[in-house]
Amino acid sequence: MRLASIVLFAALAWYFLHGPDIPDDSYLVVEVSGTFSEGGPGGLVQRLFQQGRSLADVTESLRKARSDGRIAGVIVRIGDLTSGWAQAHEIRQSLALVKARGKRVVAELEVELEPAAIETYIASIADAVYVMPGAAPLLTGLQARSVFLGGVWPKIDVGMQVEKIREYKSAGDELSRESMSPAHREMIDSILDDVHREFVQTLASARNLDPAQVDAAIARGLSRPAQLVSAGIANAVRGHEEILDELGATSTISEQVYAGVRPASLGLGGGPNIAIVHATGPVNTGRTRPGGGNIGSRSIALALAQAASDDAIVAIVMRISSPGGSPAASDEIWLAMRDAAKKKPVIASLGDVAASGGYYAASAADRIVASPGTLTGSIGVVFFKPDVSALLARVGVNTETLHRGRFARLLDLDKSLDDEELALVRSQLADIYQLFLERVATGRKKKAEDIDRVAGGRVWTGQQAFERGLVDEIGTLDDAVRAAANAAKIHDTDKVNLVHYPKSENLADRILEISSGATAALQPPLLTSIANVLGDAGALLMLEPGVQTIADGLPVIE
C-alpha cells in the first residue's frame, strides 16, 4: 500500500510539473458556446466542479497553443453563444493570433435555429468554416429589443417617479415610458448601424466577399447549411469526424486536458508581473459578494491598492464589464485608480459593457482600450422611486409613519415626492452629473464642456467612443496588457506573468463563486422566462430606489 501511494504521488507530481503528453501535429479543440464569465483562468477547484468557465480560460488556451510546437492547429466548435460583441471580438482576435503563427484554424458552426451573427463573426476568422449537417444558424440580421414598463404601473396602482440627466438616459425611459423617446430611438439606431457595419465589413473581408453580397445574403434570410455555403459564408457542410478526416488529424486535445500544460514549459511567462483587476457587474458600495455578480467598490479599491504597492507588479490593467450603479461606489473606484496610477501605469480594458458608472471608473485610467462593439459612455444620472400607497390600500394595508425633519420621508415607498422633495432630488442629480463630467474630463485630459457634448446619457459603441475621444484604442485585453507592458518599458509580452485580482479570500468563497453559476441554471423555467422577457428593464427593479449612474436599458444586439 505504501509503495502504491508513493508511485501515485510521483505520477501526480510528474503530471503537474510536466503536464499532459501532447503528440506532435495535434489539434486543440476549443468549445465556444453558452456564457463566459469575466475573471481569471480557472484553477483546480474550478476544474473539479467543471463549472464557471471564463473568457480567460479560452484566451489562455489559445495563447499557449500559438507557442506550442506540438499543436498543428485549432478546431473551434461554435454553438449558441450568449456573450456580447466585445467577448466575441476577444475570441476572434485570439484565433487570429494563432493563425498568424502559421497554424491552421477551422471553425464548426453548430447553432440550431438561433440568431447566429456573433457566432458567424467569430467563425469568419478561420481558414475554413464548416456548418454541421443538422445545424440551422440564422443569418437574418441584427435586432435590439427594449422593454417598457410604463404601462404596467397604473394597472397595479403603483406610481413611478423618474428623474434623469439627460435625454439619452434610457434606463429611466424603460421604467417610466410605454415606448421609445426620439432620443432613445436615435441612439439605438446609431448603435445598430455601427454594429451592423462592423459585422458586414468584417465578414466580407474575411470571406473575400463584397459587403453588398453580405448585405444581400442577410436580406434573403439564411438558415440552411447549404445556403451559407452558396452565399460564401461557409466552405462546406461537414460533420465533426468528416472534418478530422479531411484535416488528417490523428490526435485531438480537449481544453480540459490542455489546461494542464504549464505556460512556462512553452517559454511563456517568467518575466515581470502585470496585475489584471477584474470588475464585473453592477457597481455597489462595500465589498463584492461571495460568488461575484457585483462590483464592490471597497473590494476593487483594496485590489488596486494591493497591486499598486506590490513591487513585483510593474503595471495594472483594469478589466471592466459593468452597466454602472452607485455614484459613490463609482467615484471610490475612480479615486483608487488615480491613486494607483501615481505609482505605476494603469490601463483600462473594456468588456461587453462599460457604461455609466462603469465608464466613470474607467475614465481614471492612463489609457482606455475598448472593443469595436463595447457599449460605453452613458455619462448621465437617473433617479427613480415607486409609490405603492394605492396598491397597499387596495389590499387593505395601512401604514403610519412618524418622522422628524422636512425630508425624512424622501425615499418612502408609500408616498410620492412633493415639489420641495423633487427640487432637492433634481439638485442632487445636477451635482452628481457635474462631478461625473469633471471626473471624466480630468481622466481624459479634456474640458468638462467637451465631455458634455458627447455625454447626455448617450451610449456609444467602442468604435464610436474612439472617434469621439472617450477611448484611446480599439483592441482586446491582450492589447491592453501590451499597452501596460509598453508603459512599463517591457517589450516582450510573451514573458509577462498575469496576476489576477481580486483574489478569493478562501476555498469556500471560491466554491461558492463556482457553484453560483450552477444555481442560476436551476431557476424555475417560468421565472427564467419572465426574466428573459423583462431583460434589463426587469433588472432595474432589483435596484434600491434613489440616484443611480446605471445604464440598464442597454440594447442586446443579436
Protein backbone atom coordinates (compact mmCIF):
# COMPACT_ATOMS: atom_id res chain seq x y z
CA MET A 1 0.00 0.00 0.00
CA ARG A 2 2.78 2.42 0.92
CA LEU A 3 4.60 1.68 -2.35
CA ALA A 4 1.42 2.23 -4.35
CA SER A 5 0.91 5.60 -2.62
CA ILE A 6 4.47 6.65 -3.41
CA VAL A 7 4.02 5.66 -7.07
CA LEU A 8 0.70 7.57 -7.28
CA PHE A 9 2.22 10.65 -5.64
CA ALA A 10 5.18 10.52 -8.02
CA ALA A 11 2.87 10.20 -11.03
CA LEU A 12 0.77 13.17 -9.93
CA ALA A 13 3.87 15.25 -9.24
CA TRP A 14 5.26 14.44 -12.68
CA TYR A 15 1.93 15.37 -14.32
CA PHE A 16 1.65 18.74 -12.59
CA LEU A 17 5.31 19.56 -13.25
CA HIS A 18 5.44 18.39 -16.86
CA GLY A 19 1.81 18.48 -17.95
CA PRO A 20 -0.07 16.03 -20.16
CA ASP A 21 1.52 14.18 -23.06
CA ILE A 22 0.69 16.06 -26.29
CA PRO A 23 1.57 14.21 -29.52
CA ASP A 24 3.08 16.18 -32.38
CA ASP A 25 0.67 17.59 -35.02
CA SER A 26 -2.22 17.60 -32.57
CA TYR A 27 -5.31 19.79 -32.99
CA LEU A 28 -6.64 21.66 -29.98
CA VAL A 29 -10.46 21.51 -29.83
CA VAL A 30 -11.98 24.66 -28.33
CA GLU A 31 -15.66 24.81 -27.36
CA VAL A 32 -17.28 28.24 -27.78
CA SER A 33 -20.88 28.29 -26.58
CA GLY A 34 -23.03 29.47 -23.70
CA THR A 35 -21.77 32.19 -21.37
CA PHE A 36 -18.21 33.11 -20.49
CA SER A 37 -17.64 34.91 -17.22
CA GLU A 38 -15.08 37.65 -16.84
CA GLY A 39 -12.27 36.86 -14.42
CA GLY A 40 -9.01 34.94 -14.25
CA PRO A 41 -8.44 31.43 -15.62
CA GLY A 42 -9.98 28.64 -13.53
CA GLY A 43 -7.88 26.72 -11.05
CA LEU A 44 -8.03 23.24 -9.57
CA VAL A 45 -11.35 23.75 -7.74
CA GLN A 46 -12.97 25.09 -10.88
CA ARG A 47 -11.81 22.05 -12.84
CA LEU A 48 -13.16 19.71 -10.17
CA PHE A 49 -16.61 21.31 -10.41
CA GLN A 50 -16.38 21.70 -14.21
CA GLN A 51 -18.21 24.99 -13.77
CA GLY A 52 -17.64 28.69 -14.19
CA ARG A 53 -15.70 28.78 -17.46
CA SER A 54 -14.24 32.21 -18.06
CA LEU A 55 -13.22 34.12 -21.17
CA ALA A 56 -9.65 33.97 -19.84
CA ASP A 57 -9.77 30.15 -19.95
CA VAL A 58 -10.33 30.29 -23.72
CA THR A 59 -7.84 33.04 -24.49
CA GLU A 60 -5.18 31.41 -22.27
CA SER A 61 -5.58 28.08 -24.11
CA LEU A 62 -5.17 29.87 -27.44
CA ARG A 63 -2.19 31.85 -26.13
CA LYS A 64 -0.45 28.60 -25.23
CA ALA A 65 -1.46 26.90 -28.50
CA ARG A 66 0.16 29.55 -30.65
CA SER A 67 3.51 28.97 -28.91
CA ASP A 68 3.22 25.18 -28.70
CA GLY A 69 5.15 23.42 -31.48
CA ARG A 70 3.12 20.25 -30.91
CA ILE A 71 -0.15 21.97 -31.85
CA ALA A 72 -0.75 21.99 -35.61
CA GLY A 73 -3.98 23.91 -35.42
CA VAL A 74 -7.22 24.70 -33.61
CA ILE A 75 -10.72 23.39 -34.24
CA VAL A 76 -13.22 25.81 -32.73
CA ARG A 77 -16.70 24.33 -32.25
CA ILE A 78 -19.17 27.21 -32.07
CA GLY A 79 -22.61 26.67 -30.57
CA ASP A 80 -25.23 29.14 -29.34
CA LEU A 81 -23.24 31.91 -27.64
CA THR A 82 -24.81 34.31 -25.14
CA SER A 83 -21.80 36.60 -24.81
CA GLY A 84 -21.74 40.10 -26.29
CA TRP A 85 -19.80 41.53 -29.21
CA ALA A 86 -16.76 42.52 -27.16
CA GLN A 87 -16.16 38.99 -25.87
CA ALA A 88 -16.70 37.68 -29.40
CA HIS A 89 -14.04 40.12 -30.61
CA GLU A 90 -11.64 38.86 -27.91
CA ILE A 91 -12.08 35.24 -29.02
CA ARG A 92 -11.83 36.10 -32.71
CA GLN A 93 -8.62 38.08 -32.23
CA SER A 94 -7.11 35.27 -30.14
CA LEU A 95 -7.81 32.89 -33.04
CA ALA A 96 -6.26 35.40 -35.44
CA LEU A 97 -3.04 35.32 -33.41
CA VAL A 98 -2.98 31.52 -33.70
CA LYS A 99 -3.29 31.86 -37.49
CA ALA A 100 -0.51 34.46 -37.52
CA ARG A 101 1.86 31.79 -36.13
CA GLY A 102 1.20 29.63 -39.20
CA LYS A 103 -1.24 27.23 -37.52
CA ARG A 104 -4.48 26.17 -39.16
CA VAL A 105 -7.78 27.33 -37.67
CA VAL A 106 -11.01 25.52 -38.56
CA ALA A 107 -14.49 26.58 -37.38
CA GLU A 108 -17.56 24.35 -36.94
CA LEU A 109 -20.91 26.17 -36.73
CA GLU A 110 -23.32 24.16 -34.58
CA VAL A 111 -26.02 26.76 -33.86
CA GLU A 112 -29.61 25.45 -34.07
CA LEU A 113 -32.44 27.81 -35.05
CA GLU A 114 -30.95 30.77 -33.20
CA PRO A 115 -29.64 34.13 -34.44
CA ALA A 116 -26.01 33.41 -35.34
CA ALA A 117 -24.46 36.77 -36.20
CA ILE A 118 -21.99 36.71 -33.29
CA GLU A 119 -21.15 33.04 -33.90
CA THR A 120 -20.60 33.66 -37.63
CA TYR A 121 -18.48 36.72 -36.82
CA ILE A 122 -16.13 34.53 -34.73
CA ALA A 123 -16.09 31.70 -37.28
CA SER A 124 -15.17 34.01 -40.16
CA ILE A 125 -11.56 34.32 -38.97
CA ALA A 126 -10.97 30.61 -39.65
CA ASP A 127 -9.14 29.23 -42.66
CA ALA A 128 -12.22 27.09 -43.29
CA VAL A 129 -15.76 27.37 -41.95
CA TYR A 130 -17.96 24.27 -41.82
CA VAL A 131 -21.64 24.00 -40.92
CA MET A 132 -22.83 20.87 -39.15
CA PRO A 133 -25.41 18.95 -41.24
CA GLY A 134 -28.11 19.21 -38.56
CA ALA A 135 -27.41 22.84 -37.66
CA ALA A 136 -29.57 25.84 -38.59
CA PRO A 137 -27.70 29.09 -37.85
CA LEU A 138 -29.95 32.06 -38.62
CA LEU A 139 -28.16 34.81 -40.53
CA THR A 140 -31.17 37.10 -40.72
CA GLY A 141 -29.93 40.46 -39.43
CA LEU A 142 -29.47 42.23 -36.11
CA GLN A 143 -32.07 43.40 -33.65
CA ALA A 144 -32.16 45.36 -30.40
CA ARG A 145 -35.18 44.97 -28.14
CA SER A 146 -36.26 47.38 -25.41
CA VAL A 147 -38.94 46.59 -22.82
CA PHE A 148 -41.02 49.45 -21.42
CA LEU A 149 -42.84 49.13 -18.11
CA GLY A 150 -44.62 52.49 -18.05
CA GLY A 151 -47.96 50.89 -18.87
CA VAL A 152 -47.69 48.39 -16.02
CA TRP A 153 -47.78 50.73 -13.03
CA PRO A 154 -51.31 52.20 -13.43
CA LYS A 155 -52.72 48.66 -13.74
CA ILE A 156 -51.32 47.67 -10.34
CA ASP A 157 -51.90 51.03 -8.60
CA VAL A 158 -48.21 51.97 -8.42
CA GLY A 159 -46.92 55.44 -9.17
CA MET A 160 -43.39 55.54 -10.62
CA GLN A 161 -41.43 58.79 -10.42
CA VAL A 162 -38.33 59.05 -12.60
CA GLU A 163 -35.91 61.96 -12.99
CA LYS A 164 -32.87 61.76 -15.25
CA ILE A 165 -29.94 63.71 -16.62
CA ARG A 166 -30.04 63.69 -19.65
CA GLU A 167 -32.18 62.99 -22.71
CA TYR A 168 -30.43 59.74 -23.77
CA LYS A 169 -30.53 58.13 -20.31
CA SER A 170 -32.75 55.26 -21.42
CA ALA A 171 -32.77 53.40 -18.09
CA GLY A 172 -35.35 55.88 -16.81
CA ASP A 173 -37.36 55.62 -20.04
CA GLU A 174 -37.81 51.87 -19.72
CA LEU A 175 -39.28 52.32 -16.25
CA SER A 176 -41.49 55.32 -16.93
CA ARG A 177 -42.46 55.28 -20.62
CA GLU A 178 -44.56 52.95 -22.76
CA SER A 179 -42.43 53.42 -25.89
CA MET A 180 -39.12 54.83 -27.12
CA SER A 181 -38.43 58.53 -26.89
CA PRO A 182 -36.99 60.13 -30.06
CA ALA A 183 -33.57 60.36 -28.35
CA HIS A 184 -33.67 56.69 -27.30
CA ARG A 185 -34.65 55.61 -30.83
CA GLU A 186 -31.87 57.72 -32.35
CA MET A 187 -29.29 56.16 -30.01
CA ILE A 188 -30.35 52.56 -30.67
CA ASP A 189 -30.50 53.14 -34.43
CA SER A 190 -26.97 54.56 -34.32
CA ILE A 191 -25.64 51.59 -32.32
CA LEU A 192 -27.36 49.07 -34.61
CA ASP A 193 -25.96 50.82 -37.69
CA ASP A 194 -22.43 50.73 -36.29
CA VAL A 195 -22.53 47.08 -35.17
CA HIS A 196 -24.10 46.05 -38.49
CA ARG A 197 -21.41 47.92 -40.43
CA GLU A 198 -18.62 46.30 -38.40
CA PHE A 199 -20.20 42.84 -38.80
CA VAL A 200 -20.73 43.13 -42.57
CA GLN A 201 -17.29 44.60 -43.28
CA THR A 202 -15.53 42.01 -41.12
CA LEU A 203 -17.42 39.12 -42.68
CA ALA A 204 -16.86 40.44 -46.21
CA SER A 205 -13.13 40.96 -45.68
CA ALA A 206 -12.61 37.55 -44.05
CA ARG A 207 -14.58 35.62 -46.69
CA ASN A 208 -13.36 37.60 -49.74
CA LEU A 209 -16.82 38.94 -50.46
CA ASP A 210 -18.16 42.36 -51.31
CA PRO A 211 -20.09 43.98 -48.42
CA ALA A 212 -23.07 44.28 -50.75
CA GLN A 213 -23.03 40.49 -51.17
CA VAL A 214 -23.13 40.00 -47.40
CA ASP A 215 -25.98 42.51 -47.06
CA ALA A 216 -27.90 40.73 -49.81
CA ALA A 217 -27.38 37.34 -48.15
CA ILE A 218 -28.68 38.70 -44.82
CA ALA A 219 -31.69 40.24 -46.59
CA ARG A 220 -32.54 36.80 -48.07
CA GLY A 221 -32.52 35.27 -44.58
CA LEU A 222 -30.07 32.39 -44.46
CA SER A 223 -30.97 29.43 -42.24
CA ARG A 224 -29.98 26.21 -44.01
CA PRO A 225 -26.37 24.96 -44.02
CA ALA A 226 -26.29 24.80 -47.83
CA GLN A 227 -27.45 28.42 -48.05
CA LEU A 228 -24.45 29.61 -46.01
CA VAL A 229 -22.16 27.67 -48.35
CA SER A 230 -23.74 29.05 -51.54
CA ALA A 231 -23.51 32.59 -50.11
CA GLY A 232 -19.77 32.13 -49.47
CA ILE A 233 -20.17 32.44 -45.69
CA ALA A 234 -19.09 28.81 -45.14
CA ASN A 235 -16.90 26.38 -47.08
CA ALA A 236 -18.90 23.18 -46.80
CA VAL A 237 -21.38 21.11 -44.80
CA ARG A 238 -19.42 18.56 -42.76
CA GLY A 239 -19.76 16.52 -39.59
CA HIS A 240 -17.02 16.65 -36.95
CA GLU A 241 -15.48 13.29 -37.87
CA GLU A 242 -15.51 14.20 -41.56
CA ILE A 243 -13.58 17.38 -40.75
CA LEU A 244 -10.98 15.41 -38.79
CA ASP A 245 -10.56 13.04 -41.73
CA GLU A 246 -10.20 15.94 -44.15
CA LEU A 247 -7.56 17.56 -41.93
CA GLY A 248 -5.74 14.29 -41.46
CA ALA A 249 -5.89 14.96 -37.72
CA THR A 250 -4.64 11.87 -35.92
CA SER A 251 -4.72 13.44 -32.45
CA THR A 252 -7.07 15.97 -30.87
CA ILE A 253 -6.68 17.56 -27.44
CA SER A 254 -9.57 18.90 -25.38
CA GLU A 255 -9.30 22.19 -23.49
CA GLN A 256 -9.69 20.31 -20.20
CA VAL A 257 -6.58 18.25 -20.91
CA TYR A 258 -4.69 21.18 -22.42
CA ALA A 259 -5.31 23.23 -19.27
CA GLY A 260 -2.64 21.02 -17.66
CA VAL A 261 0.06 22.41 -19.97
CA ARG A 262 2.13 24.89 -17.98
CA PRO A 263 2.86 28.17 -19.82
CA ALA A 264 6.47 28.06 -18.55
CA SER A 265 7.01 24.78 -20.44
CA LEU A 266 6.33 26.72 -23.66
CA GLY A 267 8.64 29.62 -22.84
CA LEU A 268 5.76 31.84 -21.70
CA GLY A 269 6.00 33.92 -18.55
CA GLY A 270 8.98 34.03 -16.26
CA GLY A 271 9.28 37.79 -16.55
CA PRO A 272 7.68 40.77 -14.82
CA ASN A 273 4.14 40.69 -13.39
CA ILE A 274 1.17 42.70 -14.65
CA ALA A 275 -1.95 42.77 -12.50
CA ILE A 276 -5.41 42.26 -14.03
CA VAL A 277 -8.08 43.69 -11.74
CA HIS A 278 -11.49 42.30 -12.78
CA ALA A 279 -14.59 44.43 -12.18
CA THR A 280 -17.77 42.75 -13.42
CA GLY A 281 -21.43 43.55 -12.76
CA PRO A 282 -23.36 46.45 -11.20
CA VAL A 283 -21.31 48.84 -9.04
CA ASN A 284 -22.17 48.90 -5.33
CA THR A 285 -20.57 50.34 -2.22
CA GLY A 286 -18.88 47.91 0.16
CA ARG A 287 -17.41 44.53 -0.66
CA THR A 288 -18.01 42.24 -3.61
CA ARG A 289 -20.41 39.48 -2.58
CA PRO A 290 -19.03 35.92 -2.33
CA GLY A 291 -19.91 34.31 -5.64
CA GLY A 292 -19.49 37.59 -7.52
CA GLY A 293 -22.21 39.20 -9.62
CA ASN A 294 -21.45 42.73 -8.47
CA ILE A 295 -18.56 45.17 -8.18
CA GLY A 296 -17.96 46.04 -4.54
CA SER A 297 -16.12 49.37 -4.57
CA ARG A 298 -14.20 48.58 -1.38
CA SER A 299 -13.01 45.22 -2.76
CA ILE A 300 -11.84 46.81 -6.03
CA ALA A 301 -10.17 49.73 -4.23
CA LEU A 302 -8.34 47.25 -1.99
CA ALA A 303 -7.24 45.16 -5.00
CA LEU A 304 -5.91 48.26 -6.76
CA ALA A 305 -4.03 49.34 -3.62
CA GLN A 306 -2.50 45.87 -3.21
CA ALA A 307 -1.38 45.74 -6.83
CA ALA A 308 0.00 49.28 -6.70
CA SER A 309 2.03 48.57 -3.54
CA ASP A 310 3.42 45.22 -4.75
CA ASP A 311 6.96 45.81 -6.03
CA ALA A 312 6.75 42.66 -8.18
CA ILE A 313 3.94 44.19 -10.24
CA VAL A 314 5.04 46.71 -12.88
CA ALA A 315 1.66 47.77 -14.30
CA ILE A 316 -2.08 47.32 -13.78
CA VAL A 317 -4.87 46.52 -16.26
CA MET A 318 -8.37 47.27 -15.00
CA ARG A 319 -10.81 44.96 -16.83
CA ILE A 320 -14.31 46.46 -16.62
CA SER A 321 -17.60 44.92 -17.73
CA SER A 322 -20.34 46.88 -15.99
CA PRO A 323 -23.52 48.88 -16.69
CA GLY A 324 -22.75 51.10 -13.67
CA GLY A 325 -24.65 51.61 -10.43
CA SER A 326 -23.89 53.63 -7.31
CA PRO A 327 -22.33 57.08 -7.96
CA ALA A 328 -20.46 56.97 -4.64
CA ALA A 329 -19.06 53.50 -5.40
CA SER A 330 -18.02 54.53 -8.93
CA ASP A 331 -16.22 57.56 -7.51
CA GLU A 332 -14.45 55.42 -4.89
CA ILE A 333 -13.07 53.21 -7.66
CA TRP A 334 -12.13 56.27 -9.76
CA LEU A 335 -10.14 57.71 -6.86
CA ALA A 336 -8.45 54.35 -6.16
CA MET A 337 -7.42 54.08 -9.81
CA ARG A 338 -5.96 57.59 -9.74
CA ASP A 339 -4.01 56.74 -6.59
CA ALA A 340 -2.69 53.54 -8.20
CA ALA A 341 -1.69 55.47 -11.34
CA LYS A 342 0.65 57.62 -9.23
CA LYS A 343 2.77 54.51 -8.61
CA LYS A 344 2.58 52.57 -11.90
CA PRO A 345 0.78 52.57 -15.27
CA VAL A 346 -2.95 51.81 -15.17
CA ILE A 347 -4.71 50.76 -18.38
CA ALA A 348 -8.47 50.14 -18.67
CA SER A 349 -9.74 47.25 -20.80
CA LEU A 350 -13.47 47.42 -21.54
CA GLY A 351 -15.56 44.24 -21.96
CA ASP A 352 -19.07 43.88 -23.39
CA VAL A 353 -20.33 46.86 -21.38
CA ALA A 354 -18.55 49.76 -19.69
CA ALA A 355 -21.29 52.32 -19.35
CA SER A 356 -22.40 54.96 -16.88
CA GLY A 357 -20.68 54.14 -13.55
CA GLY A 358 -18.57 51.54 -15.38
CA TYR A 359 -17.21 54.20 -17.74
CA TYR A 360 -16.95 56.65 -14.81
CA ALA A 361 -14.40 54.32 -13.19
CA ALA A 362 -12.60 53.55 -16.48
CA SER A 363 -12.01 57.23 -17.19
CA ALA A 364 -9.42 57.37 -14.39
CA ALA A 365 -7.01 55.13 -16.34
CA ASP A 366 -3.94 56.39 -18.19
CA ARG A 367 -5.27 54.73 -21.35
CA ILE A 368 -8.59 53.06 -22.31
CA VAL A 369 -8.81 50.12 -24.72
CA ALA A 370 -12.25 49.02 -25.99
CA SER A 371 -13.65 46.51 -28.45
CA PRO A 372 -15.47 47.88 -31.52
CA GLY A 373 -18.71 46.53 -30.02
CA THR A 374 -18.24 47.57 -26.38
CA LEU A 375 -21.27 49.52 -25.19
CA THR A 376 -19.75 52.50 -23.43
CA GLY A 377 -20.37 56.07 -22.34
CA SER A 378 -23.85 56.75 -20.91
CA ILE A 379 -22.49 59.71 -18.96
CA GLY A 380 -25.63 60.65 -17.07
CA VAL A 381 -27.67 60.08 -13.91
CA VAL A 382 -31.13 58.66 -13.19
CA PHE A 383 -33.38 58.70 -10.11
CA PHE A 384 -36.46 56.52 -9.63
CA LYS A 385 -38.89 55.86 -6.81
CA PRO A 386 -42.17 53.94 -6.83
CA ASP A 387 -45.21 54.98 -4.80
CA VAL A 388 -47.11 51.85 -3.72
CA SER A 389 -49.60 53.56 -1.36
CA ALA A 390 -52.63 52.96 -3.64
CA LEU A 391 -51.67 49.30 -4.08
CA LEU A 392 -51.33 48.86 -0.32
CA ALA A 393 -54.70 50.49 0.28
CA ARG A 394 -56.37 48.25 -2.30
CA VAL A 395 -55.21 45.13 -0.47
CA GLY A 396 -56.06 46.54 2.94
CA VAL A 397 -52.61 47.55 4.17
CA ASN A 398 -52.32 50.82 6.08
CA THR A 399 -49.03 52.48 7.07
CA GLU A 400 -48.41 55.31 9.52
CA THR A 401 -45.02 56.99 9.77
CA LEU A 402 -43.79 59.39 12.44
CA HIS A 403 -40.77 61.45 11.49
CA ARG A 404 -38.56 64.42 12.29
CA GLY A 405 -37.11 66.56 9.54
CA ARG A 406 -38.65 68.07 6.41
CA PHE A 407 -37.16 65.47 4.06
CA ALA A 408 -37.09 62.41 6.35
CA ARG A 409 -39.58 60.55 4.15
CA LEU A 410 -37.88 61.37 0.85
CA LEU A 411 -37.42 57.72 -0.22
CA ASP A 412 -40.52 56.23 1.43
CA LEU A 413 -42.32 53.92 -0.96
CA ASP A 414 -45.83 54.81 0.28
CA LYS A 415 -45.81 58.43 -0.92
CA SER A 416 -44.93 60.47 -3.97
CA LEU A 417 -42.35 63.25 -3.96
CA ASP A 418 -43.78 66.70 -3.32
CA ASP A 419 -42.44 69.81 -5.08
CA GLU A 420 -39.76 70.60 -2.50
CA GLU A 421 -38.56 66.99 -2.41
CA LEU A 422 -38.45 66.93 -6.20
CA ALA A 423 -36.38 70.11 -6.23
CA LEU A 424 -33.92 68.54 -3.77
CA VAL A 425 -33.60 65.41 -5.94
CA ARG A 426 -33.03 67.46 -9.09
CA SER A 427 -30.35 69.48 -7.33
CA GLN A 428 -28.62 66.29 -6.22
CA LEU A 429 -28.79 64.87 -9.76
CA ALA A 430 -27.24 68.03 -11.16
CA ASP A 431 -24.37 67.87 -8.64
CA ILE A 432 -23.64 64.21 -9.40
CA TYR A 433 -23.76 64.81 -13.16
CA GLN A 434 -21.35 67.72 -12.83
CA LEU A 435 -18.94 65.61 -10.76
CA PHE A 436 -19.26 62.82 -13.35
CA LEU A 437 -18.32 65.27 -16.11
CA GLU A 438 -15.39 66.65 -14.12
CA ARG A 439 -14.04 63.17 -13.29
CA VAL A 440 -14.19 62.09 -16.93
CA ALA A 441 -12.71 65.39 -18.09
CA THR A 442 -9.82 65.06 -15.63
CA GLY A 443 -9.12 61.47 -16.64
CA ARG A 444 -9.40 62.19 -20.37
CA LYS A 445 -7.46 65.48 -20.07
CA LYS A 446 -10.29 67.46 -21.65
CA LYS A 447 -12.63 70.27 -20.65
CA ALA A 448 -15.91 69.38 -18.93
CA GLU A 449 -17.88 71.17 -21.66
CA ASP A 450 -16.17 69.00 -24.30
CA ILE A 451 -17.22 65.86 -22.43
CA ASP A 452 -20.74 67.23 -22.02
CA ARG A 453 -21.11 67.39 -25.81
CA VAL A 454 -20.72 63.59 -26.09
CA ALA A 455 -22.42 62.80 -22.77
CA GLY A 456 -26.12 63.39 -22.27
CA GLY A 457 -26.58 59.82 -21.03
CA ARG A 458 -25.84 58.53 -24.54
CA VAL A 459 -24.43 55.03 -25.10
CA TRP A 460 -21.85 54.60 -27.86
CA THR A 461 -20.20 51.57 -29.38
CA GLY A 462 -16.47 51.25 -28.72
CA GLN A 463 -15.75 52.43 -32.27
CA GLN A 464 -18.00 55.47 -31.86
CA ALA A 465 -16.45 56.21 -28.46
CA PHE A 466 -12.97 56.03 -30.01
CA GLU A 467 -13.98 58.51 -32.72
CA ARG A 468 -15.24 60.89 -30.01
CA GLY A 469 -12.20 60.65 -27.76
CA LEU A 470 -13.82 58.64 -24.97
CA VAL A 471 -11.40 55.73 -25.53
CA ASP A 472 -7.82 55.67 -26.85
CA GLU A 473 -7.58 52.40 -28.74
CA ILE A 474 -9.69 49.67 -30.32
CA GLY A 475 -8.41 46.33 -29.12
CA THR A 476 -8.63 43.37 -26.75
CA LEU A 477 -7.47 42.55 -23.24
CA ASP A 478 -4.24 41.31 -24.87
CA ASP A 479 -3.81 44.75 -26.42
CA ALA A 480 -4.40 46.39 -23.04
CA VAL A 481 -1.74 44.13 -21.50
CA ARG A 482 0.62 45.10 -24.32
CA ALA A 483 -0.10 48.79 -23.68
CA ALA A 484 0.58 48.29 -19.96
CA ALA A 485 3.83 46.47 -20.74
CA ASN A 486 4.95 49.22 -23.12
CA ALA A 487 4.17 51.86 -20.50
CA ALA A 488 6.36 49.88 -18.08
CA LYS A 489 9.09 49.64 -20.77
CA ILE A 490 8.64 45.87 -21.29
CA HIS A 491 8.86 44.81 -24.92
CA ASP A 492 8.50 41.00 -24.79
CA THR A 493 4.89 40.49 -23.69
CA ASP A 494 5.23 36.68 -24.01
CA LYS A 495 7.37 36.81 -20.87
CA VAL A 496 4.79 38.71 -18.85
CA ASN A 497 3.03 36.93 -15.96
CA LEU A 498 -0.60 37.90 -15.39
CA VAL A 499 -1.69 38.14 -11.75
CA HIS A 500 -5.47 38.27 -11.31
CA TYR A 501 -7.30 40.36 -8.68
CA PRO A 502 -9.37 40.44 -6.52
CA LYS A 503 -8.25 37.15 -5.05
CA SER A 504 -10.80 34.84 -3.41
CA GLU A 505 -10.36 35.08 0.35
CA ASN A 506 -10.64 31.32 0.93
CA LEU A 507 -11.60 27.99 -0.63
CA ALA A 508 -15.22 28.32 0.50
CA ASP A 509 -15.59 31.63 -1.36
CA ARG A 510 -14.14 30.05 -4.48
CA ILE A 511 -16.53 27.10 -4.30
CA LEU A 512 -19.46 29.50 -3.79
CA GLU A 513 -18.33 31.57 -6.76
CA ILE A 514 -18.27 28.49 -8.99
CA SER A 515 -21.46 26.91 -7.69
CA SER A 516 -23.41 30.17 -8.08
CA GLY A 517 -23.34 29.64 -11.84
CA ALA A 518 -24.87 26.19 -11.40
CA THR A 519 -27.52 27.56 -9.02
CA ALA A 520 -28.66 30.07 -11.63
CA ALA A 521 -29.30 27.22 -14.05
CA LEU A 522 -31.71 25.63 -11.54
CA GLN A 523 -34.16 28.56 -11.51
CA PRO A 524 -37.77 27.55 -12.32
CA PRO A 525 -38.47 27.82 -16.08
CA LEU A 526 -41.31 30.31 -15.54
CA LEU A 527 -39.09 32.70 -13.57
CA THR A 528 -36.38 32.37 -16.20
CA SER A 529 -38.87 33.14 -18.96
CA ILE A 530 -40.16 36.24 -17.15
CA ALA A 531 -36.59 37.46 -16.58
CA ASN A 532 -35.79 36.95 -20.25
CA VAL A 533 -38.86 38.94 -21.32
CA LEU A 534 -38.21 41.84 -18.97
CA GLY A 535 -34.48 41.85 -19.68
CA ASP A 536 -32.62 44.92 -18.43
CA ALA A 537 -35.84 46.75 -17.57
CA GLY A 538 -36.67 43.98 -15.12
CA ALA A 539 -33.18 44.22 -13.67
CA LEU A 540 -33.85 47.86 -12.80
CA LEU A 541 -36.50 46.74 -10.32
CA MET A 542 -33.79 44.99 -8.30
CA LEU A 543 -32.05 48.31 -7.60
CA GLU A 544 -32.63 50.32 -4.46
CA PRO A 545 -34.75 53.43 -5.14
CA GLY A 546 -32.59 56.53 -5.39
CA VAL A 547 -29.87 58.01 -7.58
CA GLN A 548 -28.00 55.68 -9.94
CA THR A 549 -25.30 56.05 -12.57
CA ILE A 550 -26.75 52.97 -14.24
CA ALA A 551 -27.16 52.20 -17.94
CA ASP A 552 -29.58 49.28 -17.76
CA GLY A 553 -31.76 49.60 -20.80
CA LEU A 554 -28.66 48.89 -22.88
CA PRO A 555 -29.52 47.17 -26.15
CA VAL A 556 -28.72 43.49 -26.63
CA ILE A 557 -27.64 43.30 -30.27
CA GLU A 558 -28.26 39.83 -31.68
